[in-house]
Amino acid sequence: MLIDTHAHVNFKAFNADYADVLNRAMKENIWTINVGSQMETSEQAVKIANEFKEGVYALVGFHPLHVMNHMDEEKPENFDPKRLEELLQDKKTVGIGETGLDFFRLPKDRENEIMKMQKQVFAQHLELAKQYDYPVTVHCRDERDEAIAYREILEVLDDYKDVKAVIHCFSEDWEIAEKYLKAGLMISFTGICTFRKKAEAVQDVAKRIPLDRLMLETDCPYLSPEPVRGKTNEPVYVEYVAKKVAELKGITFEEVAEQTTKNAKEFFKF
């Protein structure tokens, strides 16, 4: 068994076939956690999860890129903590996410304002996580060599030491990974670790990280792993991520599948 701990089958890329995509994964004994990035996609994640008796779950949250509506969006939304709190009551919601910080290519004239607001919204998610005892899936991205966002993630989390968190789609080096591990965080790997180019740092982390501190994900429909790059990613392809982690660690696929499934079930409490 495998668990894709971070998928977006609730996104419009799957509007026409999400049930087929999820059933295809379950036929391969792969469970899926759909993750919200706005209020609408969070609601969709919960709706889809409730269409399945088991094997499909939801996270609800507001992605930092949507904070302050600085993206060129068709339907910009504002963060609604009360609506998020309502979605947390659903039996198929197993965590909060995705939230965090994204300082990648911010508009220079609003950079400081947006960074400040992202931190405030991130903290609001963590307050809800603390209140309802939910784990949090954290997004973190930066374009600066000094990785300001990664340091500030740790600073915000330092005020919420009782909240369990996982850094999703990890794409940095061992120096940053080690800081997260020391802070008690889990780390999740996507198809990036399978790439043939510019993936050495991530592969090194996947090789060195303790098996009980990692989880697997697709982040579909993005980041399709080798050997299916160029195709739309989907939960069934998390198997390729697991196989690559096994290869890097020099252990069996079965060992990776068993431990990462155990990690995910304990983290998300299902």
C-alpha atoms as a PDB file:
ATOM      1  CA  MET A   1       0.000   0.000   0.000  1.00  0.00           C
ATOM      2  CA  LEU A   2       1.040   3.600  -0.698  1.00  0.00           C
ATOM      3  CA  ILE A   3      -0.438   6.962   0.253  1.00  0.00           C
ATOM      4  CA  ASP A   4      -0.172  10.017  -1.980  1.00  0.00           C
ATOM      5  CA  THR A   5      -0.130  12.573   0.821  1.00  0.00           C
ATOM      6  CA  HIS A   6      -0.445  15.631  -1.412  1.00  0.00           C
ATOM      7  CA  ALA A   7      -2.536  15.588  -4.574  1.00  0.00           C
ATOM      8  CA  HIS A   8      -4.771  18.091  -6.330  1.00  0.00           C
ATOM      9  CA  VAL A   9      -7.337  15.870  -8.005  1.00  0.00           C
ATOM     10  CA  ASN A  10      -9.712  18.582  -6.775  1.00  0.00           C
ATOM     11  CA  PHE A  11      -8.234  20.981  -9.363  1.00  0.00           C
ATOM     12  CA  LYS A  12      -9.919  21.774 -12.670  1.00  0.00           C
ATOM     13  CA  ALA A  13      -7.414  19.619 -14.583  1.00  0.00           C
ATOM     14  CA  PHE A  14      -9.389  16.638 -13.277  1.00  0.00           C
ATOM     15  CA  ASN A  15     -12.923  18.020 -13.430  1.00  0.00           C
ATOM     16  CA  ALA A  16     -13.961  15.543 -16.114  1.00  0.00           C
ATOM     17  CA  ASP A  17     -12.350  12.388 -14.724  1.00  0.00           C
ATOM     18  CA  TYR A  18     -11.456  12.761 -11.038  1.00  0.00           C
ATOM     19  CA  ALA A  19     -13.436   9.659 -10.035  1.00  0.00           C
ATOM     20  CA  ASP A  20     -11.652   7.539 -12.644  1.00  0.00           C
ATOM     21  CA  VAL A  21      -8.274   8.893 -11.516  1.00  0.00           C
ATOM     22  CA  LEU A  22      -8.947   8.094  -7.856  1.00  0.00           C
ATOM     23  CA  ASN A  23     -10.425   4.672  -8.580  1.00  0.00           C
ATOM     24  CA  ARG A  24      -7.420   3.849 -10.739  1.00  0.00           C
ATOM     25  CA  ALA A  25      -5.171   4.601  -7.794  1.00  0.00           C
ATOM     26  CA  MET A  26      -7.249   2.566  -5.361  1.00  0.00           C
ATOM     27  CA  LYS A  27      -7.128  -0.450  -7.677  1.00  0.00           C
ATOM     28  CA  GLU A  28      -3.363  -0.297  -7.139  1.00  0.00           C
ATOM     29  CA  ASN A  29      -3.875   0.017  -3.361  1.00  0.00           C
ATOM     30  CA  ILE A  30      -2.918   3.702  -3.350  1.00  0.00           C
ATOM     31  CA  TRP A  31      -4.842   6.132  -1.159  1.00  0.00           C
ATOM     32  CA  THR A  32      -5.034   9.857  -1.874  1.00  0.00           C
ATOM     33  CA  ILE A  33      -5.167  13.044   0.171  1.00  0.00           C
ATOM     34  CA  ASN A  34      -6.510  15.957  -1.864  1.00  0.00           C
ATOM     35  CA  VAL A  35      -5.200  19.345  -0.774  1.00  0.00           C
ATOM     36  CA  GLY A  36      -6.944  22.689  -0.982  1.00  0.00           C
ATOM     37  CA  SER A  37      -5.167  25.833  -2.140  1.00  0.00           C
ATOM     38  CA  GLN A  38      -8.111  28.251  -1.924  1.00  0.00           C
ATOM     39  CA  MET A  39     -11.539  28.122  -0.309  1.00  0.00           C
ATOM     40  CA  GLU A  40     -13.152  26.748  -3.464  1.00  0.00           C
ATOM     41  CA  THR A  41     -10.624  23.947  -3.944  1.00  0.00           C
ATOM     42  CA  SER A  42     -10.731  23.155  -0.232  1.00  0.00           C
ATOM     43  CA  GLU A  43     -14.496  22.721  -0.482  1.00  0.00           C
ATOM     44  CA  GLN A  44     -14.002  20.556  -3.560  1.00  0.00           C
ATOM     45  CA  ALA A  45     -11.456  18.396  -1.730  1.00  0.00           C
ATOM     46  CA  VAL A  46     -13.967  17.719   1.046  1.00  0.00           C
ATOM     47  CA  LYS A  47     -16.774  17.060  -1.424  1.00  0.00           C
ATOM     48  CA  ILE A  48     -14.726  14.519  -3.368  1.00  0.00           C
ATOM     49  CA  ALA A  49     -13.501  12.783  -0.216  1.00  0.00           C
ATOM     50  CA  ASN A  50     -17.079  12.222   0.885  1.00  0.00           C
ATOM     51  CA  GLU A  51     -17.893  10.484  -2.386  1.00  0.00           C
ATOM     52  CA  PHE A  52     -15.618   7.609  -1.330  1.00  0.00           C
ATOM     53  CA  LYS A  53     -16.105   5.323   1.666  1.00  0.00           C
ATOM     54  CA  GLU A  54     -12.357   5.077   2.232  1.00  0.00           C
ATOM     55  CA  GLY A  55      -9.079   5.796   0.498  1.00  0.00           C
ATOM     56  CA  VAL A  56      -9.704   9.475  -0.267  1.00  0.00           C
ATOM     57  CA  TYR A  57      -9.267  12.281   2.267  1.00  0.00           C
ATOM     58  CA  ALA A  58      -9.019  16.072   2.328  1.00  0.00           C
ATOM     59  CA  LEU A  59      -6.813  18.878   3.578  1.00  0.00           C
ATOM     60  CA  VAL A  60      -8.214  22.405   3.658  1.00  0.00           C
ATOM     61  CA  GLY A  61      -6.193  25.584   3.460  1.00  0.00           C
ATOM     62  CA  PHE A  62      -5.160  28.712   1.602  1.00  0.00           C
ATOM     63  CA  HIS A  63      -1.960  28.720  -0.441  1.00  0.00           C
ATOM     64  CA  PRO A  64       0.384  31.671   0.201  1.00  0.00           C
ATOM     65  CA  LEU A  65       0.435  32.619  -3.476  1.00  0.00           C
ATOM     66  CA  HIS A  66      -3.245  33.507  -3.231  1.00  0.00           C
ATOM     67  CA  VAL A  67      -2.752  35.811  -0.255  1.00  0.00           C
ATOM     68  CA  MET A  68      -3.234  39.487  -1.240  1.00  0.00           C
ATOM     69  CA  ASN A  69      -4.512  38.343  -4.654  1.00  0.00           C
ATOM     70  CA  HIS A  70      -1.238  39.339  -6.286  1.00  0.00           C
ATOM     71  CA  MET A  71      -1.488  36.587  -8.892  1.00  0.00           C
ATOM     72  CA  ASP A  72      -3.232  36.964 -12.238  1.00  0.00           C
ATOM     73  CA  GLU A  73      -6.241  34.864 -11.249  1.00  0.00           C
ATOM     74  CA  GLU A  74      -9.505  34.230 -13.044  1.00  0.00           C
ATOM     75  CA  LYS A  75     -11.448  34.086  -9.757  1.00  0.00           C
ATOM     76  CA  PRO A  76      -9.422  35.649  -6.935  1.00  0.00           C
ATOM     77  CA  GLU A  77     -10.553  34.678  -3.437  1.00  0.00           C
ATOM     78  CA  ASN A  78      -9.878  36.034   0.016  1.00  0.00           C
ATOM     79  CA  PHE A  79      -8.861  33.856   2.938  1.00  0.00           C
ATOM     80  CA  ASP A  80     -11.925  33.009   5.030  1.00  0.00           C
ATOM     81  CA  PRO A  81     -10.848  31.512   8.394  1.00  0.00           C
ATOM     82  CA  LYS A  82     -14.459  30.948   9.487  1.00  0.00           C
ATOM     83  CA  ARG A  83     -15.220  28.904   6.373  1.00  0.00           C
ATOM     84  CA  LEU A  84     -11.981  27.000   6.839  1.00  0.00           C
ATOM     85  CA  GLU A  85     -12.985  26.214  10.405  1.00  0.00           C
ATOM     86  CA  GLU A  86     -16.308  24.853   9.159  1.00  0.00           C
ATOM     87  CA  LEU A  87     -14.537  22.551   6.716  1.00  0.00           C
ATOM     88  CA  LEU A  88     -12.368  21.241   9.541  1.00  0.00           C
ATOM     89  CA  GLN A  89     -15.481  19.714  11.109  1.00  0.00           C
ATOM     90  CA  ASP A  90     -15.982  17.290   8.240  1.00  0.00           C
ATOM     91  CA  LYS A  91     -15.200  13.645   9.017  1.00  0.00           C
ATOM     92  CA  LYS A  92     -13.036  13.264   5.902  1.00  0.00           C
ATOM     93  CA  THR A  93     -10.839  16.290   6.656  1.00  0.00           C
ATOM     94  CA  VAL A  94      -7.556  15.037   8.106  1.00  0.00           C
ATOM     95  CA  GLY A  95      -5.424  18.175   8.229  1.00  0.00           C
ATOM     96  CA  ILE A  96      -4.774  21.767   7.252  1.00  0.00           C
ATOM     97  CA  GLY A  97      -3.029  22.756   4.062  1.00  0.00           C
ATOM     98  CA  GLU A  98      -1.614  23.860   2.079  1.00  0.00           C
ATOM     99  CA  THR A  99      -0.324  26.944   3.794  1.00  0.00           C
ATOM    100  CA  GLY A 100       3.090  28.490   4.326  1.00  0.00           C
ATOM    101  CA  LEU A 101       5.296  31.048   2.604  1.00  0.00           C
ATOM    102  CA  ASP A 102       6.074  31.643  -1.057  1.00  0.00           C
ATOM    103  CA  PHE A 103       8.495  34.461  -1.803  1.00  0.00           C
ATOM    104  CA  PHE A 104       9.075  33.445  -5.417  1.00  0.00           C
ATOM    105  CA  ARG A 105       8.890  36.342  -7.892  1.00  0.00           C
ATOM    106  CA  LEU A 106       6.853  38.685  -5.755  1.00  0.00           C
ATOM    107  CA  PRO A 107       6.036  42.095  -7.265  1.00  0.00           C
ATOM    108  CA  LYS A 108       8.830  44.358  -6.042  1.00  0.00           C
ATOM    109  CA  ASP A 109       6.548  47.258  -5.196  1.00  0.00           C
ATOM    110  CA  ARG A 110       4.483  45.074  -2.816  1.00  0.00           C
ATOM    111  CA  GLU A 111       7.049  42.533  -1.697  1.00  0.00           C
ATOM    112  CA  ASN A 112       7.274  43.470   1.991  1.00  0.00           C
ATOM    113  CA  GLU A 113       3.525  43.898   2.317  1.00  0.00           C
ATOM    114  CA  ILE A 114       2.807  40.482   0.769  1.00  0.00           C
ATOM    115  CA  MET A 115       5.484  38.712   2.794  1.00  0.00           C
ATOM    116  CA  LYS A 116       4.043  40.145   6.008  1.00  0.00           C
ATOM    117  CA  MET A 117       0.503  39.126   5.089  1.00  0.00           C
ATOM    118  CA  GLN A 118       1.593  35.607   4.122  1.00  0.00           C
ATOM    119  CA  LYS A 119       3.135  35.175   7.570  1.00  0.00           C
ATOM    120  CA  GLN A 120      -0.064  36.375   9.230  1.00  0.00           C
ATOM    121  CA  VAL A 121      -2.250  33.987   7.244  1.00  0.00           C
ATOM    122  CA  PHE A 122       0.187  31.137   7.890  1.00  0.00           C
ATOM    123  CA  ALA A 123      -0.056  31.838  11.611  1.00  0.00           C
ATOM    124  CA  GLN A 124      -3.877  31.814  11.386  1.00  0.00           C
ATOM    125  CA  HIS A 125      -3.716  28.310   9.925  1.00  0.00           C
ATOM    126  CA  LEU A 126      -1.414  27.219  12.738  1.00  0.00           C
ATOM    127  CA  GLU A 127      -3.786  28.667  15.338  1.00  0.00           C
ATOM    128  CA  LEU A 128      -6.583  26.520  13.932  1.00  0.00           C
ATOM    129  CA  ALA A 129      -4.273  23.504  13.855  1.00  0.00           C
ATOM    130  CA  LYS A 130      -3.445  24.037  17.510  1.00  0.00           C
ATOM    131  CA  GLN A 131      -7.086  24.540  18.444  1.00  0.00           C
ATOM    132  CA  TYR A 132      -8.357  21.428  16.647  1.00  0.00           C
ATOM    133  CA  ASP A 133      -5.243  19.242  16.978  1.00  0.00           C
ATOM    134  CA  TYR A 134      -4.714  18.926  13.221  1.00  0.00           C
ATOM    135  CA  PRO A 135      -1.431  18.418  11.372  1.00  0.00           C
ATOM    136  CA  VAL A 136      -0.336  21.030   8.833  1.00  0.00           C
ATOM    137  CA  THR A 137       1.074  20.638   5.329  1.00  0.00           C
ATOM    138  CA  VAL A 138       3.508  23.482   4.666  1.00  0.00           C
ATOM    139  CA  HIS A 139       4.454  25.000   1.333  1.00  0.00           C
ATOM    140  CA  CYS A 140       7.770  26.838   1.142  1.00  0.00           C
ATOM    141  CA  ARG A 141       9.453  28.391  -1.883  1.00  0.00           C
ATOM    142  CA  ASP A 142      11.981  31.156  -2.447  1.00  0.00           C
ATOM    143  CA  GLU A 143      14.170  32.424  -5.255  1.00  0.00           C
ATOM    144  CA  ARG A 144      16.917  33.858  -3.051  1.00  0.00           C
ATOM    145  CA  ASP A 145      20.186  32.064  -2.403  1.00  0.00           C
ATOM    146  CA  GLU A 146      19.866  32.836   1.301  1.00  0.00           C
ATOM    147  CA  ALA A 147      16.486  31.016   1.427  1.00  0.00           C
ATOM    148  CA  ILE A 148      14.685  33.596   3.546  1.00  0.00           C
ATOM    149  CA  ALA A 149      11.362  31.776   3.303  1.00  0.00           C
ATOM    150  CA  TYR A 150      12.814  28.571   4.756  1.00  0.00           C
ATOM    151  CA  ARG A 151      14.210  30.406   7.768  1.00  0.00           C
ATOM    152  CA  GLU A 152      10.999  32.342   8.334  1.00  0.00           C
ATOM    153  CA  ILE A 153       8.938  29.146   8.162  1.00  0.00           C
ATOM    154  CA  LEU A 154      10.952  27.889  11.129  1.00  0.00           C
ATOM    155  CA  GLU A 155      10.532  31.188  12.971  1.00  0.00           C
ATOM    156  CA  VAL A 156       6.747  31.065  12.633  1.00  0.00           C
ATOM    157  CA  LEU A 157       6.589  27.372  13.564  1.00  0.00           C
ATOM    158  CA  ASP A 158       8.697  28.045  16.636  1.00  0.00           C
ATOM    159  CA  ASP A 159       5.633  29.626  18.238  1.00  0.00           C
ATOM    160  CA  TYR A 160       3.622  26.459  17.568  1.00  0.00           C
ATOM    161  CA  LYS A 161       5.850  23.663  18.791  1.00  0.00           C
ATOM    162  CA  ASP A 162       2.879  21.392  19.554  1.00  0.00           C
ATOM    163  CA  VAL A 163       1.636  21.481  15.954  1.00  0.00           C
ATOM    164  CA  LYS A 164       2.740  18.610  13.733  1.00  0.00           C
ATOM    165  CA  ALA A 165       3.937  19.796  10.323  1.00  0.00           C
ATOM    166  CA  VAL A 166       5.303  18.387   7.089  1.00  0.00           C
ATOM    167  CA  ILE A 167       7.259  20.323   4.482  1.00  0.00           C
ATOM    168  CA  HIS A 168       5.704  19.237   1.214  1.00  0.00           C
ATOM    169  CA  CYS A 169       7.470  19.022  -2.153  1.00  0.00           C
ATOM    170  CA  PHE A 170      10.903  19.365  -0.601  1.00  0.00           C
ATOM    171  CA  SER A 171      13.370  20.696  -3.169  1.00  0.00           C
ATOM    172  CA  GLU A 172      16.336  22.016  -1.190  1.00  0.00           C
ATOM    173  CA  ASP A 173      19.602  20.571   0.149  1.00  0.00           C
ATOM    174  CA  TRP A 174      20.617  18.633   3.247  1.00  0.00           C
ATOM    175  CA  GLU A 175      21.555  21.771   5.200  1.00  0.00           C
ATOM    176  CA  ILE A 176      17.960  22.993   5.089  1.00  0.00           C
ATOM    177  CA  ALA A 177      16.520  19.493   5.523  1.00  0.00           C
ATOM    178  CA  GLU A 178      18.561  18.996   8.676  1.00  0.00           C
ATOM    179  CA  LYS A 179      17.147  22.209  10.171  1.00  0.00           C
ATOM    180  CA  TYR A 180      13.617  20.991   9.548  1.00  0.00           C
ATOM    181  CA  LEU A 181      14.340  17.572  11.000  1.00  0.00           C
ATOM    182  CA  LYS A 182      15.846  19.110  14.123  1.00  0.00           C
ATOM    183  CA  ALA A 183      12.683  21.194  14.486  1.00  0.00           C
ATOM    184  CA  GLY A 184      10.633  17.991  14.468  1.00  0.00           C
ATOM    185  CA  LEU A 185       9.118  18.325  11.001  1.00  0.00           C
ATOM    186  CA  MET A 186       8.417  15.595   8.478  1.00  0.00           C
ATOM    187  CA  ILE A 187       9.629  15.967   4.896  1.00  0.00           C
ATOM    188  CA  SER A 188       7.703  14.888   1.804  1.00  0.00           C
ATOM    189  CA  PHE A 189       9.138  14.028  -1.615  1.00  0.00           C
ATOM    190  CA  THR A 190       7.613  14.390  -5.075  1.00  0.00           C
ATOM    191  CA  GLY A 191       8.651  13.276  -8.528  1.00  0.00           C
ATOM    192  CA  ILE A 192      11.480  15.827  -8.345  1.00  0.00           C
ATOM    193  CA  CYS A 193      13.629  13.128  -6.718  1.00  0.00           C
ATOM    194  CA  THR A 194      13.283  11.039  -9.898  1.00  0.00           C
ATOM    195  CA  PHE A 195      14.463  13.745 -12.293  1.00  0.00           C
ATOM    196  CA  ARG A 196      17.632  13.152 -14.258  1.00  0.00           C
ATOM    197  CA  LYS A 197      18.809  16.767 -14.132  1.00  0.00           C
ATOM    198  CA  LYS A 198      19.139  19.270 -11.272  1.00  0.00           C
ATOM    199  CA  ALA A 199      17.864  16.806  -8.684  1.00  0.00           C
ATOM    200  CA  GLU A 200      21.132  15.839  -6.997  1.00  0.00           C
ATOM    201  CA  ALA A 201      20.507  17.839  -3.813  1.00  0.00           C
ATOM    202  CA  VAL A 202      17.013  16.420  -3.325  1.00  0.00           C
ATOM    203  CA  GLN A 203      18.235  12.909  -4.045  1.00  0.00           C
ATOM    204  CA  ASP A 204      20.961  13.350  -1.448  1.00  0.00           C
ATOM    205  CA  VAL A 205      18.346  14.336   1.137  1.00  0.00           C
ATOM    206  CA  ALA A 206      16.129  11.376   0.212  1.00  0.00           C
ATOM    207  CA  LYS A 207      19.124   9.092   0.652  1.00  0.00           C
ATOM    208  CA  ARG A 208      20.126  10.490   4.051  1.00  0.00           C
ATOM    209  CA  ILE A 209      16.811  11.212   5.754  1.00  0.00           C
ATOM    210  CA  PRO A 210      15.581   8.600   8.277  1.00  0.00           C
ATOM    211  CA  LEU A 211      12.818   6.508   6.739  1.00  0.00           C
ATOM    212  CA  ASP A 212      10.440   7.292   9.591  1.00  0.00           C
ATOM    213  CA  ARG A 213      10.673  11.031   8.884  1.00  0.00           C
ATOM    214  CA  LEU A 214       9.538  11.062   5.263  1.00  0.00           C
ATOM    215  CA  MET A 215       6.343  10.830   3.253  1.00  0.00           C
ATOM    216  CA  LEU A 216       5.540  10.525  -0.436  1.00  0.00           C
ATOM    217  CA  GLU A 217       3.390  12.642  -2.742  1.00  0.00           C
ATOM    218  CA  THR A 218       2.723  13.504  -6.362  1.00  0.00           C
ATOM    219  CA  ASP A 219       1.578  17.148  -6.109  1.00  0.00           C
ATOM    220  CA  CYS A 220      -0.449  16.203  -9.183  1.00  0.00           C
ATOM    221  CA  PRO A 221      -1.288  17.398 -11.753  1.00  0.00           C
ATOM    222  CA  TYR A 222       2.235  18.834 -11.572  1.00  0.00           C
ATOM    223  CA  LEU A 223       5.740  17.312 -11.336  1.00  0.00           C
ATOM    224  CA  SER A 224       5.178  14.013 -13.137  1.00  0.00           C
ATOM    225  CA  PRO A 225       8.007  11.645 -12.207  1.00  0.00           C
ATOM    226  CA  GLU A 226      10.270   9.716 -14.505  1.00  0.00           C
ATOM    227  CA  PRO A 227       9.365   7.731 -16.569  1.00  0.00           C
ATOM    228  CA  VAL A 228       6.041   9.540 -17.182  1.00  0.00           C
ATOM    229  CA  ARG A 229       7.305  13.104 -17.470  1.00  0.00           C
ATOM    230  CA  GLY A 230       5.246  15.045 -19.967  1.00  0.00           C
ATOM    231  CA  LYS A 231       2.034  13.295 -18.930  1.00  0.00           C
ATOM    232  CA  THR A 232      -0.494  14.699 -16.497  1.00  0.00           C
ATOM    233  CA  ASN A 233       0.560  13.529 -13.059  1.00  0.00           C
ATOM    234  CA  GLU A 234      -1.900  11.536 -10.920  1.00  0.00           C
ATOM    235  CA  PRO A 235      -1.838   9.623  -7.610  1.00  0.00           C
ATOM    236  CA  VAL A 236      -1.067   6.241  -9.149  1.00  0.00           C
ATOM    237  CA  TYR A 237       2.347   7.610 -10.152  1.00  0.00           C
ATOM    238  CA  VAL A 238       3.429   7.980  -6.523  1.00  0.00           C
ATOM    239  CA  GLU A 239       4.756   4.446  -6.976  1.00  0.00           C
ATOM    240  CA  TYR A 240       7.638   5.857  -9.040  1.00  0.00           C
ATOM    241  CA  VAL A 241       8.571   8.206  -6.199  1.00  0.00           C
ATOM    242  CA  ALA A 242       8.581   5.287  -3.760  1.00  0.00           C
ATOM    243  CA  LYS A 243      10.737   3.196  -6.079  1.00  0.00           C
ATOM    244  CA  LYS A 244      13.254   6.013  -6.446  1.00  0.00           C
ATOM    245  CA  VAL A 245      13.476   6.522  -2.688  1.00  0.00           C
ATOM    246  CA  ALA A 246      14.075   2.784  -2.289  1.00  0.00           C
ATOM    247  CA  GLU A 247      16.804   2.897  -4.932  1.00  0.00           C
ATOM    248  CA  LEU A 248      18.519   5.890  -3.316  1.00  0.00           C
ATOM    249  CA  LYS A 249      18.432   4.276   0.120  1.00  0.00           C
ATOM    250  CA  GLY A 250      19.461   0.839  -1.091  1.00  0.00           C
ATOM    251  CA  ILE A 251      16.405  -0.850   0.434  1.00  0.00           C
ATOM    252  CA  THR A 252      13.353  -2.617  -0.968  1.00  0.00           C
ATOM    253  CA  PHE A 253      10.281  -0.958  -2.390  1.00  0.00           C
ATOM    254  CA  GLU A 254       8.225  -2.918   0.146  1.00  0.00           C
ATOM    255  CA  GLU A 255      10.168  -1.371   3.038  1.00  0.00           C
ATOM    256  CA  VAL A 256       9.529   2.133   1.720  1.00  0.00           C
ATOM    257  CA  ALA A 257       5.857   1.427   1.094  1.00  0.00           C
ATOM    258  CA  GLU A 258       5.299  -0.056   4.555  1.00  0.00           C
ATOM    259  CA  GLN A 259       7.076   2.681   6.521  1.00  0.00           C
ATOM    260  CA  THR A 260       5.805   5.684   4.547  1.00  0.00           C
ATOM    261  CA  THR A 261       2.247   4.382   4.800  1.00  0.00           C
ATOM    262  CA  LYS A 262       2.711   3.999   8.546  1.00  0.00           C
ATOM    263  CA  ASN A 263       4.143   7.536   8.710  1.00  0.00           C
ATOM    264  CA  ALA A 264       1.205   9.031   6.817  1.00  0.00           C
ATOM    265  CA  LYS A 265      -1.457   7.198   8.820  1.00  0.00           C
ATOM    266  CA  GLU A 266       0.098   8.250  12.122  1.00  0.00           C
ATOM    267  CA  PHE A 267       0.618  11.835  10.973  1.00  0.00           C
ATOM    268  CA  PHE A 268      -2.886  12.350   9.560  1.00  0.00           C
ATOM    269  CA  LYS A 269      -4.607  10.039  12.078  1.00  0.00           C
ATOM    270  CA  PHE A 270      -6.679   7.815   9.834  1.00  0.00           C
END
